[in-house]
């Protein structure tokens, strides 16, 4: 038997789909889009986890939420419970797309946005890092020329 080696990302392999950093999210019960991407045509993304952390925040009032075409993805919101900790939100089984073991399906062409949340009236959230994890699936391409 031979050995299989991949030279790039493997469709279906769990990976970081999108990640980013925001230096400051202002205080005052604010929500701010801190990351955005359009899922490429010809593939679907399945969101399984959202991860967030910040070096400055007030307990339980900071975090991130993920939306697809302005609709919140159920369970895809991570609330940071204290400074210097990481919050992980796993997409609940009730949101898992049909035919999959885990993950919420985001179809190609969907605008995926990450919203940073600062719920404190006094403290700005500082140095927030976040990531959306999941996997991609190739679909029959509708891209012209393929």
N, C-alpha and C. Protein backbone atom coordinates (compact mmCIF):
# COMPACT_ATOMS: atom_id res chain seq x y z
N UNK A 1 0.84 -1.18 0.00
CA UNK A 1 0.00 0.00 0.00
C UNK A 1 0.88 1.24 0.00
N UNK A 2 0.37 2.24 -0.67
CA UNK A 2 1.09 3.50 -0.73
C UNK A 2 0.70 4.41 0.41
N UNK A 3 1.29 5.58 0.42
CA UNK A 3 0.99 6.56 1.45
C UNK A 3 0.29 7.75 0.79
N UNK A 4 -0.67 8.32 1.46
CA UNK A 4 -1.39 9.47 0.93
C UNK A 4 -0.87 10.72 1.61
N UNK A 5 -0.50 11.70 0.79
CA UNK A 5 -0.04 12.98 1.32
C UNK A 5 -0.77 14.09 0.58
N UNK A 6 -1.16 15.10 1.30
CA UNK A 6 -1.86 16.21 0.70
C UNK A 6 -0.95 17.43 0.65
N UNK A 7 -1.03 18.17 -0.43
CA UNK A 7 -0.19 19.35 -0.57
C UNK A 7 -0.91 20.64 -0.16
N UNK A 8 -2.16 20.52 0.21
CA UNK A 8 -2.93 21.70 0.61
C UNK A 8 -4.07 21.31 1.50
N UNK A 9 -5.02 22.21 1.69
CA UNK A 9 -6.16 21.88 2.55
C UNK A 9 -6.98 20.73 1.97
N UNK A 10 -7.50 19.92 2.84
CA UNK A 10 -8.31 18.78 2.43
C UNK A 10 -9.76 19.13 2.70
N UNK A 11 -10.61 18.97 1.68
CA UNK A 11 -12.03 19.22 1.91
C UNK A 11 -12.55 18.27 2.97
N UNK A 12 -13.28 18.80 3.94
CA UNK A 12 -13.82 17.99 5.01
C UNK A 12 -12.95 17.96 6.26
N UNK A 13 -11.69 18.42 6.15
CA UNK A 13 -10.81 18.44 7.32
C UNK A 13 -11.15 19.64 8.19
N UNK A 14 -11.26 19.42 9.49
CA UNK A 14 -11.57 20.51 10.42
C UNK A 14 -10.39 21.47 10.46
N UNK A 15 -10.69 22.75 10.40
CA UNK A 15 -9.65 23.76 10.31
C UNK A 15 -10.19 25.11 10.79
N UNK A 16 -9.32 26.09 10.85
CA UNK A 16 -9.75 27.45 11.13
C UNK A 16 -10.21 28.05 9.81
N UNK A 17 -11.48 28.42 9.75
CA UNK A 17 -12.05 28.98 8.53
C UNK A 17 -11.78 30.48 8.42
N UNK A 18 -11.79 31.16 9.57
CA UNK A 18 -11.60 32.60 9.60
C UNK A 18 -11.12 32.99 10.99
N UNK A 19 -10.17 33.90 11.06
CA UNK A 19 -9.70 34.36 12.37
C UNK A 19 -9.28 35.82 12.27
N UNK A 20 -9.16 36.46 13.42
CA UNK A 20 -8.76 37.85 13.41
C UNK A 20 -8.47 38.41 14.78
N UNK A 21 -8.14 39.69 14.80
CA UNK A 21 -7.77 40.40 16.02
C UNK A 21 -8.36 41.80 15.93
N UNK A 22 -8.82 42.30 17.05
CA UNK A 22 -9.31 43.67 17.13
C UNK A 22 -8.67 44.31 18.35
N UNK A 23 -7.98 45.43 18.17
CA UNK A 23 -7.27 46.07 19.27
C UNK A 23 -8.22 46.62 20.32
N UNK A 24 -9.30 47.29 19.89
CA UNK A 24 -10.24 47.88 20.84
C UNK A 24 -11.66 47.78 20.30
N UNK A 25 -12.59 47.39 21.17
CA UNK A 25 -14.01 47.52 20.90
C UNK A 25 -14.52 48.47 21.96
N UNK A 26 -15.05 49.61 21.54
CA UNK A 26 -15.39 50.66 22.50
C UNK A 26 -16.45 50.21 23.49
N UNK A 27 -16.43 50.85 24.63
CA UNK A 27 -17.40 50.55 25.68
C UNK A 27 -18.74 51.19 25.34
N UNK A 28 -19.73 50.86 26.13
CA UNK A 28 -21.03 51.48 25.97
C UNK A 28 -22.05 50.61 25.28
N UNK A 29 -22.14 49.34 25.68
CA UNK A 29 -23.14 48.43 25.14
C UNK A 29 -23.13 48.40 23.61
N UNK A 30 -21.94 48.18 23.05
CA UNK A 30 -21.82 48.24 21.60
C UNK A 30 -21.61 46.88 20.96
N UNK A 31 -22.03 46.79 19.70
CA UNK A 31 -21.76 45.64 18.85
C UNK A 31 -21.14 46.18 17.58
N UNK A 32 -20.04 45.58 17.15
CA UNK A 32 -19.28 46.09 16.02
C UNK A 32 -18.84 44.93 15.14
N UNK A 33 -19.02 45.04 13.82
CA UNK A 33 -18.54 44.00 12.91
C UNK A 33 -17.01 44.09 12.89
N UNK A 34 -16.37 43.00 13.31
CA UNK A 34 -14.90 42.98 13.39
C UNK A 34 -14.26 42.03 12.39
N UNK A 35 -15.08 41.36 11.61
CA UNK A 35 -14.56 40.47 10.57
C UNK A 35 -15.67 40.08 9.62
N UNK A 36 -15.32 39.92 8.35
CA UNK A 36 -16.32 39.58 7.36
C UNK A 36 -15.66 38.87 6.19
N UNK A 37 -16.37 37.89 5.62
CA UNK A 37 -15.86 37.19 4.44
C UNK A 37 -17.07 36.64 3.69
N UNK A 38 -16.93 36.54 2.37
CA UNK A 38 -17.95 35.88 1.57
C UNK A 38 -17.46 34.46 1.31
N UNK A 39 -18.27 33.47 1.67
CA UNK A 39 -17.90 32.08 1.46
C UNK A 39 -17.78 31.86 -0.05
N UNK A 40 -16.65 31.30 -0.50
CA UNK A 40 -16.44 31.14 -1.94
C UNK A 40 -17.52 30.28 -2.60
N UNK A 41 -17.91 30.68 -3.82
CA UNK A 41 -18.83 29.87 -4.59
C UNK A 41 -18.13 28.54 -4.90
N UNK A 42 -18.87 27.48 -4.97
CA UNK A 42 -18.27 26.18 -5.25
C UNK A 42 -17.93 25.39 -4.01
N UNK A 43 -18.15 25.98 -2.83
CA UNK A 43 -17.97 25.23 -1.58
C UNK A 43 -18.92 25.74 -0.52
N UNK A 44 -19.23 24.88 0.43
CA UNK A 44 -20.02 25.23 1.60
C UNK A 44 -19.13 25.13 2.82
N UNK A 45 -19.33 25.99 3.80
CA UNK A 45 -18.60 25.92 5.05
C UNK A 45 -19.55 25.42 6.13
N UNK A 46 -19.03 24.60 7.03
CA UNK A 46 -19.79 24.10 8.18
C UNK A 46 -19.12 24.63 9.43
N UNK A 47 -19.79 25.56 10.12
CA UNK A 47 -19.25 26.17 11.34
C UNK A 47 -19.50 25.22 12.51
N UNK A 48 -18.43 24.85 13.23
CA UNK A 48 -18.57 23.96 14.38
C UNK A 48 -18.26 24.65 15.70
N UNK A 49 -17.33 25.59 15.71
CA UNK A 49 -16.98 26.29 16.96
C UNK A 49 -16.65 27.74 16.68
N UNK A 50 -16.86 28.56 17.70
CA UNK A 50 -16.44 29.95 17.70
C UNK A 50 -15.59 30.13 18.95
N UNK A 51 -14.42 30.73 18.80
CA UNK A 51 -13.48 30.90 19.90
C UNK A 51 -13.17 32.38 20.05
N UNK A 52 -13.12 32.88 21.29
CA UNK A 52 -12.81 34.29 21.53
C UNK A 52 -12.02 34.46 22.82
N UNK A 53 -11.19 35.46 22.85
CA UNK A 53 -10.44 35.80 24.05
C UNK A 53 -10.06 37.27 24.01
N UNK A 54 -9.92 37.91 25.18
CA UNK A 54 -9.54 39.31 25.24
C UNK A 54 -8.69 39.55 26.47
N UNK A 55 -7.78 40.51 26.37
CA UNK A 55 -6.93 40.80 27.52
C UNK A 55 -7.55 41.84 28.45
N UNK A 56 -8.53 42.59 27.97
CA UNK A 56 -9.23 43.57 28.79
C UNK A 56 -10.73 43.43 28.56
N UNK A 57 -11.46 43.12 29.61
CA UNK A 57 -12.92 43.07 29.51
C UNK A 57 -13.51 42.97 30.90
N UNK A 58 -14.82 43.18 30.97
CA UNK A 58 -15.54 43.03 32.21
C UNK A 58 -16.23 41.66 32.17
N UNK A 59 -16.22 40.97 33.27
CA UNK A 59 -16.73 39.60 33.34
C UNK A 59 -18.08 39.43 32.67
N UNK A 60 -18.13 38.48 31.75
CA UNK A 60 -19.38 38.05 31.14
C UNK A 60 -20.06 39.01 30.19
N UNK A 61 -19.38 40.09 29.78
CA UNK A 61 -20.06 41.03 28.91
C UNK A 61 -19.35 41.23 27.58
N UNK A 62 -18.31 40.49 27.31
CA UNK A 62 -17.61 40.62 26.04
C UNK A 62 -17.69 39.31 25.29
N UNK A 63 -17.52 39.38 23.99
CA UNK A 63 -17.52 38.16 23.22
C UNK A 63 -17.71 38.41 21.75
N UNK A 64 -18.00 37.34 21.01
CA UNK A 64 -18.26 37.44 19.59
C UNK A 64 -19.50 36.64 19.22
N UNK A 65 -20.17 37.05 18.17
CA UNK A 65 -21.32 36.34 17.62
C UNK A 65 -21.12 36.25 16.11
N UNK A 66 -21.61 35.18 15.50
CA UNK A 66 -21.43 34.98 14.07
C UNK A 66 -22.79 35.01 13.38
N UNK A 67 -22.85 35.74 12.26
CA UNK A 67 -24.07 35.80 11.47
C UNK A 67 -23.76 35.42 10.02
N UNK A 68 -24.75 34.85 9.36
CA UNK A 68 -24.65 34.54 7.94
C UNK A 68 -25.77 35.26 7.22
N UNK A 69 -25.43 36.18 6.30
CA UNK A 69 -26.42 37.03 5.62
C UNK A 69 -27.34 37.71 6.63
N UNK A 70 -26.75 38.26 7.68
CA UNK A 70 -27.44 39.02 8.73
C UNK A 70 -28.35 38.19 9.62
N UNK A 71 -28.26 36.86 9.56
CA UNK A 71 -29.04 35.99 10.43
C UNK A 71 -28.09 35.30 11.41
N UNK A 72 -28.39 35.40 12.70
CA UNK A 72 -27.53 34.80 13.72
C UNK A 72 -27.48 33.29 13.55
N UNK A 73 -26.30 32.72 13.67
CA UNK A 73 -26.13 31.28 13.64
C UNK A 73 -26.33 30.78 15.06
N UNK A 74 -27.35 29.96 15.28
CA UNK A 74 -27.71 29.50 16.61
C UNK A 74 -26.52 28.85 17.31
N UNK A 75 -26.21 29.32 18.49
CA UNK A 75 -25.14 28.73 19.28
C UNK A 75 -23.75 29.21 18.91
N UNK A 76 -23.63 30.01 17.84
CA UNK A 76 -22.30 30.46 17.41
C UNK A 76 -21.98 31.81 18.03
N UNK A 77 -21.99 31.86 19.36
CA UNK A 77 -21.63 33.07 20.09
C UNK A 77 -20.82 32.67 21.31
N UNK A 78 -19.65 33.26 21.45
CA UNK A 78 -18.79 32.94 22.58
C UNK A 78 -18.73 34.13 23.52
N UNK A 79 -19.06 33.92 24.79
CA UNK A 79 -19.02 34.99 25.79
C UNK A 79 -17.80 34.78 26.68
N UNK A 80 -16.98 35.80 26.78
CA UNK A 80 -15.76 35.73 27.59
C UNK A 80 -16.16 35.95 29.05
N UNK A 81 -15.80 35.00 29.92
CA UNK A 81 -16.24 35.08 31.31
C UNK A 81 -15.28 35.83 32.21
N UNK A 82 -14.03 35.97 31.81
CA UNK A 82 -13.10 36.77 32.60
C UNK A 82 -11.88 37.11 31.74
N UNK A 83 -11.16 38.14 32.17
CA UNK A 83 -9.97 38.56 31.45
C UNK A 83 -8.96 37.43 31.37
N UNK A 84 -8.26 37.38 30.23
CA UNK A 84 -7.18 36.40 29.98
C UNK A 84 -7.68 34.96 29.86
N UNK A 85 -8.95 34.74 29.62
CA UNK A 85 -9.44 33.39 29.36
C UNK A 85 -10.02 33.32 27.96
N UNK A 86 -10.16 32.12 27.47
CA UNK A 86 -10.72 31.88 26.15
C UNK A 86 -12.11 31.29 26.30
N UNK A 87 -13.02 31.74 25.49
CA UNK A 87 -14.36 31.19 25.47
C UNK A 87 -14.52 30.38 24.19
N UNK A 88 -15.11 29.21 24.30
CA UNK A 88 -15.37 28.37 23.15
C UNK A 88 -16.86 28.06 23.11
N UNK A 89 -17.48 28.33 21.99
CA UNK A 89 -18.89 28.01 21.80
C UNK A 89 -19.00 26.97 20.70
N UNK A 90 -19.57 25.84 21.01
CA UNK A 90 -19.78 24.80 20.00
C UNK A 90 -21.20 24.88 19.49
N UNK A 91 -21.35 24.77 18.16
CA UNK A 91 -22.68 24.82 17.58
C UNK A 91 -23.47 23.63 18.12
N UNK A 92 -24.63 23.88 18.74
CA UNK A 92 -25.38 22.80 19.37
C UNK A 92 -25.95 21.81 18.36
N UNK A 93 -26.22 20.60 18.83
CA UNK A 93 -26.70 19.54 17.94
C UNK A 93 -28.03 19.90 17.28
N UNK A 94 -28.80 20.78 17.89
CA UNK A 94 -30.08 21.17 17.28
C UNK A 94 -29.88 22.03 16.03
N UNK A 95 -28.68 22.60 15.87
CA UNK A 95 -28.39 23.44 14.71
C UNK A 95 -27.61 22.70 13.62
N UNK A 96 -27.23 21.45 13.87
CA UNK A 96 -26.42 20.71 12.92
C UNK A 96 -27.21 20.47 11.64
N UNK A 97 -26.56 20.70 10.52
CA UNK A 97 -27.22 20.54 9.23
C UNK A 97 -27.50 19.07 8.95
N UNK A 98 -28.60 18.84 8.25
CA UNK A 98 -29.04 17.48 7.95
C UNK A 98 -27.95 16.71 7.21
N UNK A 99 -27.73 15.47 7.65
CA UNK A 99 -26.74 14.61 7.02
C UNK A 99 -25.33 14.79 7.55
N UNK A 100 -25.13 15.65 8.53
CA UNK A 100 -23.81 15.90 9.10
C UNK A 100 -23.80 15.54 10.58
N UNK A 101 -22.62 15.21 11.09
CA UNK A 101 -22.47 14.91 12.51
C UNK A 101 -22.33 16.18 13.34
N UNK A 102 -21.71 17.19 12.75
CA UNK A 102 -21.57 18.47 13.44
C UNK A 102 -21.45 19.58 12.40
N UNK A 103 -21.79 20.77 12.80
CA UNK A 103 -21.62 21.93 11.95
C UNK A 103 -22.88 22.50 11.36
N UNK A 104 -22.91 23.83 11.33
CA UNK A 104 -24.02 24.57 10.74
C UNK A 104 -23.61 24.97 9.32
N UNK A 105 -24.39 24.60 8.33
CA UNK A 105 -24.05 24.82 6.92
C UNK A 105 -24.21 26.28 6.54
N UNK A 106 -23.14 26.84 5.95
CA UNK A 106 -23.16 28.18 5.41
C UNK A 106 -22.83 28.03 3.92
N UNK A 107 -23.80 28.29 3.06
CA UNK A 107 -23.64 28.02 1.63
C UNK A 107 -22.74 29.05 0.94
N UNK A 108 -22.15 28.63 -0.18
CA UNK A 108 -21.29 29.51 -0.96
C UNK A 108 -22.03 30.78 -1.35
N UNK A 109 -21.33 31.91 -1.29
CA UNK A 109 -21.93 33.20 -1.59
C UNK A 109 -22.50 33.93 -0.39
N UNK A 110 -22.59 33.23 0.75
CA UNK A 110 -23.10 33.85 1.98
C UNK A 110 -22.05 34.78 2.57
N UNK A 111 -22.49 35.94 3.03
CA UNK A 111 -21.59 36.86 3.73
C UNK A 111 -21.58 36.45 5.21
N UNK A 112 -20.44 36.00 5.68
CA UNK A 112 -20.26 35.57 7.06
C UNK A 112 -19.63 36.72 7.83
N UNK A 113 -20.27 37.17 8.91
CA UNK A 113 -19.76 38.29 9.70
C UNK A 113 -19.53 37.89 11.15
N UNK A 114 -18.50 38.45 11.73
CA UNK A 114 -18.20 38.25 13.14
C UNK A 114 -18.42 39.60 13.83
N UNK A 115 -19.26 39.59 14.86
CA UNK A 115 -19.56 40.80 15.60
C UNK A 115 -18.89 40.75 16.96
N UNK A 116 -18.12 41.76 17.27
CA UNK A 116 -17.53 41.89 18.60
C UNK A 116 -18.52 42.59 19.50
N UNK A 117 -18.63 42.11 20.73
CA UNK A 117 -19.64 42.63 21.66
C UNK A 117 -18.95 43.19 22.90
N UNK A 118 -19.30 44.41 23.26
CA UNK A 118 -18.85 45.02 24.50
C UNK A 118 -20.10 45.45 25.24
N UNK A 119 -20.40 44.76 26.34
CA UNK A 119 -21.63 45.05 27.06
C UNK A 119 -21.47 45.98 28.23
N UNK A 120 -20.26 46.41 28.50
CA UNK A 120 -20.02 47.27 29.66
C UNK A 120 -20.13 48.73 29.27
N UNK A 121 -20.70 49.52 30.14
CA UNK A 121 -20.78 50.95 29.87
C UNK A 121 -19.49 51.66 30.26
N UNK A 122 -18.62 50.98 30.99
CA UNK A 122 -17.43 51.65 31.50
C UNK A 122 -16.12 51.13 30.90
N UNK A 123 -16.09 49.86 30.48
CA UNK A 123 -14.81 49.26 30.09
C UNK A 123 -14.81 48.88 28.61
N UNK A 124 -13.83 49.37 27.88
CA UNK A 124 -13.67 48.97 26.49
C UNK A 124 -13.00 47.60 26.46
N UNK A 125 -13.36 46.78 25.48
CA UNK A 125 -12.73 45.47 25.32
C UNK A 125 -11.44 45.68 24.54
N UNK A 126 -10.34 45.10 25.05
CA UNK A 126 -9.05 45.27 24.41
C UNK A 126 -8.42 43.97 23.98
N UNK A 127 -7.70 44.02 22.87
CA UNK A 127 -6.95 42.88 22.33
C UNK A 127 -7.79 41.62 22.22
N UNK A 128 -8.88 41.72 21.49
CA UNK A 128 -9.73 40.55 21.28
C UNK A 128 -9.22 39.74 20.10
N UNK A 129 -9.01 38.46 20.34
CA UNK A 129 -8.67 37.51 19.29
C UNK A 129 -9.84 36.56 19.13
N UNK A 130 -10.12 36.14 17.90
CA UNK A 130 -11.25 35.27 17.66
C UNK A 130 -10.96 34.35 16.48
N UNK A 131 -11.70 33.25 16.42
CA UNK A 131 -11.56 32.30 15.32
C UNK A 131 -12.88 31.56 15.12
N UNK A 132 -13.16 31.25 13.87
CA UNK A 132 -14.28 30.39 13.51
C UNK A 132 -13.67 29.11 12.98
N UNK A 133 -14.04 27.98 13.61
CA UNK A 133 -13.52 26.68 13.18
C UNK A 133 -14.62 25.86 12.55
N UNK A 134 -14.23 24.96 11.68
CA UNK A 134 -15.18 24.10 11.02
C UNK A 134 -14.52 23.38 9.86
N UNK A 135 -15.29 23.08 8.84
CA UNK A 135 -14.74 22.39 7.68
C UNK A 135 -15.48 22.85 6.43
N UNK A 136 -14.85 22.65 5.30
CA UNK A 136 -15.46 23.04 4.03
C UNK A 136 -15.79 21.81 3.22
N UNK A 137 -16.80 21.94 2.38
CA UNK A 137 -17.21 20.86 1.48
C UNK A 137 -17.29 21.42 0.08
N UNK A 138 -16.69 20.72 -0.87
CA UNK A 138 -16.79 21.09 -2.25
C UNK A 138 -18.18 20.72 -2.74
N UNK A 139 -18.78 21.61 -3.54
CA UNK A 139 -20.09 21.32 -4.12
C UNK A 139 -19.96 21.47 -5.63
N UNK A 140 -20.90 20.90 -6.33
CA UNK A 140 -20.88 21.01 -7.79
C UNK A 140 -20.75 22.48 -8.16
N UNK A 141 -19.69 22.81 -8.83
CA UNK A 141 -19.38 24.20 -9.08
C UNK A 141 -20.32 24.86 -10.08
N UNK A 142 -20.74 26.07 -9.74
CA UNK A 142 -21.55 26.87 -10.65
C UNK A 142 -20.71 28.03 -11.19
N UNK A 143 -19.42 27.99 -10.90
CA UNK A 143 -18.53 29.05 -11.37
C UNK A 143 -18.29 28.86 -12.86
N UNK A 144 -18.46 29.91 -13.63
CA UNK A 144 -18.27 29.83 -15.07
C UNK A 144 -16.84 29.44 -15.40
N UNK A 145 -16.68 28.59 -16.39
CA UNK A 145 -15.35 28.19 -16.81
C UNK A 145 -14.85 26.92 -16.16
N UNK A 146 -15.64 26.33 -15.26
CA UNK A 146 -15.19 25.10 -14.61
C UNK A 146 -16.08 23.96 -15.03
